[in-house]
Amino acid sequence: MAHGLQVFNSNGDVITDLTKRFAKIIEKKTVTGTGEINVADYGAPNNRFWYFIVSPSTSDTEEILPLLRIIDGGKKIMWKDVGEPLTFYFGVY
């Protein structure tokens, strides 16, 4: 059975088609220090990561932001030198 979301305009043209990749939340995580998460570790090697930060940064310095980065074509989330605990949700699409 197919799943997803398609949105059509008044002419019947598809303007949004979300049937190819559907987002999934994997975990809520709290981190400090330096580290990374690899998408292959979650059994989804063909998917890409997304994240949403729950706890705000305590830094006012833009040079150290973003605290999290998606790298390797969407296959890894990395963080570096996070002092205060940082909480975020992540998933794949």
C-alpha atoms as a PDB file:
ATOM      1  CA  MET A   1       0.000   0.000   0.000  1.00  0.00           C
ATOM      2  CA  ALA A   2       1.394   3.409  -0.979  1.00  0.00           C
ATOM      3  CA  HIS A   3       1.686   6.147   1.630  1.00  0.00           C
ATOM      4  CA  GLY A   4       2.620   9.816   1.694  1.00  0.00           C
ATOM      5  CA  LEU A   5       1.088  13.168   0.844  1.00  0.00           C
ATOM      6  CA  GLN A   6       0.310  14.824  -2.468  1.00  0.00           C
ATOM      7  CA  VAL A   7      -1.084  18.367  -2.770  1.00  0.00           C
ATOM      8  CA  PHE A   8      -2.738  19.585  -5.971  1.00  0.00           C
ATOM      9  CA  ASN A   9      -3.578  23.119  -7.094  1.00  0.00           C
ATOM     10  CA  SER A  10      -6.950  24.115  -8.608  1.00  0.00           C
ATOM     11  CA  ASN A  11      -5.766  23.002 -12.087  1.00  0.00           C
ATOM     12  CA  GLY A  12      -5.022  19.495 -10.838  1.00  0.00           C
ATOM     13  CA  ASP A  13      -1.221  19.943 -10.984  1.00  0.00           C
ATOM     14  CA  VAL A  14       0.877  18.344  -8.246  1.00  0.00           C
ATOM     15  CA  ILE A  15       2.538  21.104  -6.197  1.00  0.00           C
ATOM     16  CA  THR A  16       3.844  18.948  -3.335  1.00  0.00           C
ATOM     17  CA  ASP A  17       4.733  15.272  -3.510  1.00  0.00           C
ATOM     18  CA  LEU A  18       5.942  13.624  -0.309  1.00  0.00           C
ATOM     19  CA  THR A  19       5.479  10.026  -1.380  1.00  0.00           C
ATOM     20  CA  LYS A  20       9.147   9.196  -1.966  1.00  0.00           C
ATOM     21  CA  ARG A  21      10.596   9.873   1.504  1.00  0.00           C
ATOM     22  CA  PHE A  22       8.629  10.060   4.704  1.00  0.00           C
ATOM     23  CA  ALA A  23      10.251  11.523   7.844  1.00  0.00           C
ATOM     24  CA  LYS A  24      10.737   9.318  10.900  1.00  0.00           C
ATOM     25  CA  ILE A  25      11.823  10.309  14.421  1.00  0.00           C
ATOM     26  CA  ILE A  26      14.497   7.946  15.718  1.00  0.00           C
ATOM     27  CA  GLU A  27      15.556   9.269  19.099  1.00  0.00           C
ATOM     28  CA  LYS A  28      15.852  12.157  21.550  1.00  0.00           C
ATOM     29  CA  LYS A  29      19.503  12.607  22.539  1.00  0.00           C
ATOM     30  CA  THR A  30      21.477  14.791  24.959  1.00  0.00           C
ATOM     31  CA  VAL A  31      25.166  15.311  24.196  1.00  0.00           C
ATOM     32  CA  THR A  32      28.273  17.133  25.413  1.00  0.00           C
ATOM     33  CA  GLY A  33      31.845  17.194  24.165  1.00  0.00           C
ATOM     34  CA  THR A  34      32.593  15.980  20.622  1.00  0.00           C
ATOM     35  CA  GLY A  35      30.994  13.115  18.718  1.00  0.00           C
ATOM     36  CA  GLU A  36      28.930  11.928  15.793  1.00  0.00           C
ATOM     37  CA  ILE A  37      26.014   9.702  14.824  1.00  0.00           C
ATOM     38  CA  ASN A  38      26.121   7.608  11.654  1.00  0.00           C
ATOM     39  CA  VAL A  39      22.863   6.837   9.813  1.00  0.00           C
ATOM     40  CA  ALA A  40      24.055   3.276   9.082  1.00  0.00           C
ATOM     41  CA  ASP A  41      24.096   2.576  12.850  1.00  0.00           C
ATOM     42  CA  TYR A  42      20.300   2.928  12.834  1.00  0.00           C
ATOM     43  CA  GLY A  43      19.630   0.465  10.024  1.00  0.00           C
ATOM     44  CA  ALA A  44      18.794   3.144   7.488  1.00  0.00           C
ATOM     45  CA  PRO A  45      21.875   3.426   5.231  1.00  0.00           C
ATOM     46  CA  ASN A  46      19.920   4.844   2.271  1.00  0.00           C
ATOM     47  CA  ASN A  47      18.212   7.579   4.276  1.00  0.00           C
ATOM     48  CA  ARG A  48      19.335  11.050   5.330  1.00  0.00           C
ATOM     49  CA  PHE A  49      19.367  12.652   8.767  1.00  0.00           C
ATOM     50  CA  TRP A  50      17.453  15.646  10.056  1.00  0.00           C
ATOM     51  CA  TYR A  51      17.526  17.149  13.575  1.00  0.00           C
ATOM     52  CA  PHE A  52      15.661  19.615  15.759  1.00  0.00           C
ATOM     53  CA  ILE A  53      17.402  21.245  18.753  1.00  0.00           C
ATOM     54  CA  VAL A  54      15.265  21.230  21.922  1.00  0.00           C
ATOM     55  CA  SER A  55      17.596  22.947  24.404  1.00  0.00           C
ATOM     56  CA  PRO A  56      18.884  26.343  23.280  1.00  0.00           C
ATOM     57  CA  SER A  57      22.549  27.249  22.975  1.00  0.00           C
ATOM     58  CA  THR A  58      23.989  29.200  25.879  1.00  0.00           C
ATOM     59  CA  SER A  59      26.476  30.921  23.550  1.00  0.00           C
ATOM     60  CA  ASP A  60      26.037  34.387  22.093  1.00  0.00           C
ATOM     61  CA  THR A  61      28.978  33.896  19.714  1.00  0.00           C
ATOM     62  CA  GLU A  62      27.870  33.146  16.153  1.00  0.00           C
ATOM     63  CA  GLU A  63      31.293  31.789  15.172  1.00  0.00           C
ATOM     64  CA  ILE A  64      30.718  28.529  17.069  1.00  0.00           C
ATOM     65  CA  LEU A  65      27.260  27.892  15.652  1.00  0.00           C
ATOM     66  CA  PRO A  66      25.790  25.584  14.513  1.00  0.00           C
ATOM     67  CA  LEU A  67      26.468  23.267  17.411  1.00  0.00           C
ATOM     68  CA  LEU A  68      25.293  20.332  15.301  1.00  0.00           C
ATOM     69  CA  ARG A  69      26.120  19.745  11.652  1.00  0.00           C
ATOM     70  CA  ILE A  70      24.876  17.241   9.104  1.00  0.00           C
ATOM     71  CA  ILE A  71      27.825  15.998   7.025  1.00  0.00           C
ATOM     72  CA  ASP A  72      28.722  13.303   4.470  1.00  0.00           C
ATOM     73  CA  GLY A  73      25.762  14.034   2.240  1.00  0.00           C
ATOM     74  CA  GLY A  74      23.254  13.693   5.076  1.00  0.00           C
ATOM     75  CA  LYS A  75      24.726  10.461   6.451  1.00  0.00           C
ATOM     76  CA  LYS A  76      26.167  11.788   9.747  1.00  0.00           C
ATOM     77  CA  ILE A  77      25.309  14.291  12.483  1.00  0.00           C
ATOM     78  CA  MET A  78      28.375  15.660  14.267  1.00  0.00           C
ATOM     79  CA  TRP A  79      28.992  18.000  17.171  1.00  0.00           C
ATOM     80  CA  LYS A  80      32.202  19.528  18.498  1.00  0.00           C
ATOM     81  CA  ASP A  81      33.176  21.098  21.811  1.00  0.00           C
ATOM     82  CA  VAL A  82      29.637  21.248  23.226  1.00  0.00           C
ATOM     83  CA  GLY A  83      30.102  22.478  26.810  1.00  0.00           C
ATOM     84  CA  GLU A  84      26.585  22.580  28.222  1.00  0.00           C
ATOM     85  CA  PRO A  85      24.286  19.589  27.603  1.00  0.00           C
ATOM     86  CA  LEU A  86      22.536  19.938  24.241  1.00  0.00           C
ATOM     87  CA  THR A  87      19.265  18.055  23.672  1.00  0.00           C
ATOM     88  CA  PHE A  88      17.904  17.327  20.214  1.00  0.00           C
ATOM     89  CA  TYR A  89      15.598  15.002  18.328  1.00  0.00           C
ATOM     90  CA  PHE A  90      16.876  13.340  15.191  1.00  0.00           C
ATOM     91  CA  GLY A  91      15.486  11.112  12.530  1.00  0.00           C
ATOM     92  CA  VAL A  92      15.724  10.101   8.905  1.00  0.00           C
ATOM     93  CA  TYR A  93      13.824  10.800   5.733  1.00  0.00           C
END
